Amino acid sequence: KEFRRREEEKNRLAVTKILDQEKKIARQKRRSQFEENSKLELELQKQWIFEYEQQCSLRDEIKHSSFVSYSILLQEHQEEKESLKVAQHLQAEEEENQRYK
């Protein structure tokens, strides 16, 4: 009877030890998974920031390009106006010279 009780106690201790070991392994797995998820989340945040900065940069380039294009168009328009004035002035002078001939 005593032998049986000691064997049961040994078995109980063995089972407890196995359960404790399994809990420890499960904790380590959860910790490892948490660390892996944290790394992945950090990488995703870095990627999002990089893409956001690229979008901002592209938006700024488009704004600058649009401004430059508008400035060029404005300059061309101004030059056309000046050319038209010069042409009108030359035409007026030509017409006046025609009257005196």
Protein backbone atom coordinates (compact mmCIF):
# COMPACT_ATOMS: atom_id res chain seq x y z
CA LYS A 1 0.00 0.00 0.00
CA GLU A 2 2.80 2.41 0.86
CA PHE A 3 4.61 1.52 -2.36
CA ARG A 4 1.52 2.30 -4.37
CA ARG A 5 1.11 5.68 -2.63
CA ARG A 6 4.75 6.56 -3.37
CA GLU A 7 4.32 5.55 -7.02
CA GLU A 8 1.19 7.71 -7.30
CA GLU A 9 3.07 10.61 -5.71
CA LYS A 10 5.96 10.10 -8.17
CA ASN A 11 3.49 10.02 -11.05
CA ARG A 12 1.73 13.15 -9.78
CA LEU A 13 5.08 14.98 -9.49
CA ALA A 14 6.08 13.77 -12.96
CA VAL A 15 2.78 15.00 -14.43
CA THR A 16 3.15 18.34 -12.61
CA LYS A 17 6.69 18.68 -13.95
CA ILE A 18 5.52 17.88 -17.49
CA LEU A 19 2.66 20.40 -17.21
CA ASP A 20 5.01 23.08 -15.88
CA GLN A 21 7.41 22.40 -18.76
CA GLU A 22 4.56 22.63 -21.28
CA LYS A 23 3.42 25.95 -19.74
CA LYS A 24 6.98 27.26 -19.95
CA ILE A 25 7.24 26.22 -23.62
CA ALA A 26 3.85 27.83 -24.35
CA ARG A 27 4.99 31.10 -22.68
CA GLN A 28 8.20 31.07 -24.72
CA LYS A 29 6.22 30.50 -27.93
CA ARG A 30 3.84 33.37 -27.10
CA ARG A 31 6.77 35.67 -26.27
CA SER A 32 8.53 34.69 -29.49
CA GLN A 33 5.33 35.22 -31.50
CA PHE A 34 4.79 38.61 -29.82
CA GLU A 35 8.34 39.65 -30.70
CA GLU A 36 7.88 38.50 -34.29
CA ASN A 37 4.57 40.37 -34.55
CA SER A 38 6.20 43.48 -33.10
CA LYS A 39 8.99 43.31 -35.68
CA LEU A 40 6.46 42.85 -38.47
CA GLU A 41 4.37 45.76 -37.21
CA LEU A 42 7.46 47.97 -37.07
CA GLU A 43 8.40 47.01 -40.64
CA LEU A 44 4.87 47.76 -41.82
CA GLN A 45 4.97 51.15 -40.08
CA LYS A 46 8.33 51.93 -41.71
CA GLN A 47 6.93 50.92 -45.11
CA TRP A 48 3.82 53.05 -44.58
CA ILE A 49 5.95 56.07 -43.59
CA PHE A 50 8.21 55.57 -46.61
CA GLU A 51 5.22 55.36 -48.97
CA TYR A 52 3.59 58.38 -47.34
CA GLU A 53 6.79 60.41 -47.73
CA GLN A 54 7.01 59.34 -51.38
CA GLN A 55 3.42 60.47 -51.95
CA CYS A 56 4.15 63.82 -50.31
CA SER A 57 7.30 64.22 -52.39
CA LEU A 58 5.44 63.34 -55.58
CA ARG A 59 2.66 65.78 -54.66
CA ASP A 60 5.25 68.52 -54.09
CA GLU A 61 6.91 67.72 -57.42
CA ILE A 62 3.54 67.92 -59.17
CA LYS A 63 2.78 71.26 -57.51
CA HIS A 64 6.21 72.59 -58.46
CA SER A 65 5.88 71.25 -61.99
CA SER A 66 2.42 72.80 -62.31
CA PHE A 67 3.74 76.11 -61.01
CA VAL A 68 6.67 76.01 -63.45
CA SER A 69 4.32 75.10 -66.32
CA TYR A 70 1.97 77.93 -65.36
CA SER A 71 4.89 80.35 -65.11
CA ILE A 72 6.14 79.32 -68.55
CA LEU A 73 2.66 79.71 -70.04
CA LEU A 74 2.31 83.11 -68.41
CA GLN A 75 5.70 84.18 -69.73
CA GLU A 76 4.82 82.95 -73.25
CA HIS A 77 1.52 84.83 -73.08
CA GLN A 78 3.33 87.98 -71.97
CA GLU A 79 5.82 87.60 -74.84
CA GLU A 80 2.95 87.10 -77.31
CA LYS A 81 1.27 90.26 -76.00
CA GLU A 82 4.51 92.20 -76.39
CA SER A 83 5.06 90.79 -79.89
CA LEU A 84 1.51 91.77 -80.83
CA LYS A 85 2.10 95.33 -79.54
CA VAL A 86 5.33 95.58 -81.52
CA ALA A 87 3.60 94.20 -84.64
CA GLN A 88 0.69 96.64 -84.20
CA HIS A 89 3.13 99.50 -83.69
CA LEU A 90 5.11 98.56 -86.83
CA GLN A 91 1.87 98.20 -88.78
CA ALA A 92 0.73 101.63 -87.58
CA GLU A 93 4.09 103.13 -88.62
CA GLU A 94 3.85 101.41 -92.02
CA GLU A 95 0.33 102.75 -92.52
CA GLU A 96 1.46 106.24 -91.57
CA ASN A 97 4.43 106.03 -93.97
CA GLN A 98 2.01 104.90 -96.70
CA ARG A 99 -0.12 108.03 -96.15
CA TYR A 100 2.85 110.38 -96.65
CA LYS A 101 3.99 108.74 -99.91
